[in-house]
Amino acid sequence: MSMSKYVTLSSSVPIYNKLLDHIEGLLDEDDEKYCEIQSIRDAIQKGYEKLKRYYSKTDDSYAYTIATSNFIIFLF
């Protein structure tokens, strides 16, 4: 994403999804990626909350409908 000249919502939404899934695994005790160290888990939780806050702002964008391939349904 950092090498792209123009980062678009359609390219960033899948990246957000992948990051959120990975972080959720680090915080889930039942996941094999679970982080055992509490202080690191605390930092991961803070980052997760911030990432979710920015991700939720994509819902406010009209471009989100296009980026998630719901644009055709939106038109009709």
Protein backbone atom coordinates (compact mmCIF):
# COMPACT_ATOMS: atom_id res chain seq x y z
CA MET A 1 0.00 0.00 0.00
CA SER A 2 2.84 2.40 0.80
CA MET A 3 4.27 1.95 -2.71
CA SER A 4 1.00 2.87 -4.38
CA LYS A 5 0.81 6.31 -5.88
CA TYR A 6 -2.87 6.53 -4.98
CA VAL A 7 -4.33 4.47 -2.17
CA THR A 8 -8.00 3.89 -2.74
CA LEU A 9 -10.70 2.69 -0.41
CA SER A 10 -11.14 -0.45 -2.49
CA SER A 11 -7.52 -1.41 -1.87
CA SER A 12 -7.42 -0.43 1.80
CA VAL A 13 -10.60 -2.21 2.98
CA PRO A 14 -9.18 -5.72 2.36
CA ILE A 15 -5.99 -4.70 4.16
CA TYR A 16 -7.99 -3.48 7.17
CA ASN A 17 -9.89 -6.78 7.17
CA LYS A 18 -6.70 -8.83 7.11
CA LEU A 19 -5.10 -6.76 9.89
CA LEU A 20 -8.17 -6.95 12.09
CA ASP A 21 -8.40 -10.73 11.62
CA HIS A 22 -4.75 -11.16 12.54
CA ILE A 23 -5.01 -8.96 15.62
CA GLU A 24 -8.17 -10.75 16.75
CA GLY A 25 -6.18 -14.00 16.65
CA LEU A 26 -3.49 -12.48 18.87
CA LEU A 27 -6.13 -11.54 21.43
CA ASP A 28 -8.20 -14.75 21.28
CA GLU A 29 -7.15 -17.33 23.89
CA ASP A 30 -8.42 -20.15 21.67
CA ASP A 31 -6.33 -19.10 18.67
CA GLU A 32 -2.88 -20.58 18.01
CA LYS A 33 -1.49 -17.04 17.47
CA TYR A 34 -2.61 -15.93 20.98
CA CYS A 35 -0.09 -13.65 22.66
CA GLU A 36 0.72 -14.93 26.15
CA ILE A 37 2.43 -11.76 27.44
CA GLN A 38 -0.11 -9.46 29.11
CA SER A 39 1.78 -6.19 28.56
CA ILE A 40 2.09 -6.91 24.84
CA ARG A 41 -1.57 -7.94 24.67
CA ASP A 42 -2.49 -4.61 26.28
CA ALA A 43 -0.59 -2.75 23.54
CA ILE A 44 -2.18 -4.96 20.86
CA GLN A 45 -5.63 -4.18 22.30
CA LYS A 46 -4.96 -0.42 22.11
CA GLY A 47 -3.83 -0.72 18.49
CA TYR A 48 -6.85 -2.88 17.70
CA GLU A 49 -9.23 -0.28 19.11
CA LYS A 50 -7.60 2.51 17.10
CA LEU A 51 -7.63 0.45 13.91
CA LYS A 52 -11.34 -0.34 14.40
CA ARG A 53 -12.06 3.35 14.97
CA TYR A 54 -10.47 4.30 11.65
CA TYR A 55 -12.02 1.32 9.88
CA SER A 56 -15.49 2.31 11.04
CA LYS A 57 -15.06 5.67 9.30
CA THR A 58 -15.17 3.87 5.95
CA ASP A 59 -18.88 3.29 6.58
CA ASP A 60 -19.41 7.06 6.38
CA SER A 61 -18.06 7.22 2.86
CA TYR A 62 -20.13 6.85 -0.30
CA ALA A 63 -17.04 5.26 -1.80
CA TYR A 64 -17.38 2.41 0.71
CA THR A 65 -20.39 1.13 -1.21
CA ILE A 66 -18.32 1.02 -4.38
CA ALA A 67 -15.28 -0.45 -2.63
CA THR A 68 -17.25 -3.34 -1.20
CA SER A 69 -18.87 -4.18 -4.55
CA ASN A 70 -22.34 -3.22 -3.39
CA PHE A 71 -22.47 -0.29 -5.79
CA ILE A 72 -24.58 -2.09 -8.37
CA ILE A 73 -27.17 -2.99 -5.74
CA PHE A 74 -27.03 0.62 -4.51
CA LEU A 75 -27.89 1.93 -8.00
CA PHE A 76 -31.00 -0.21 -8.27
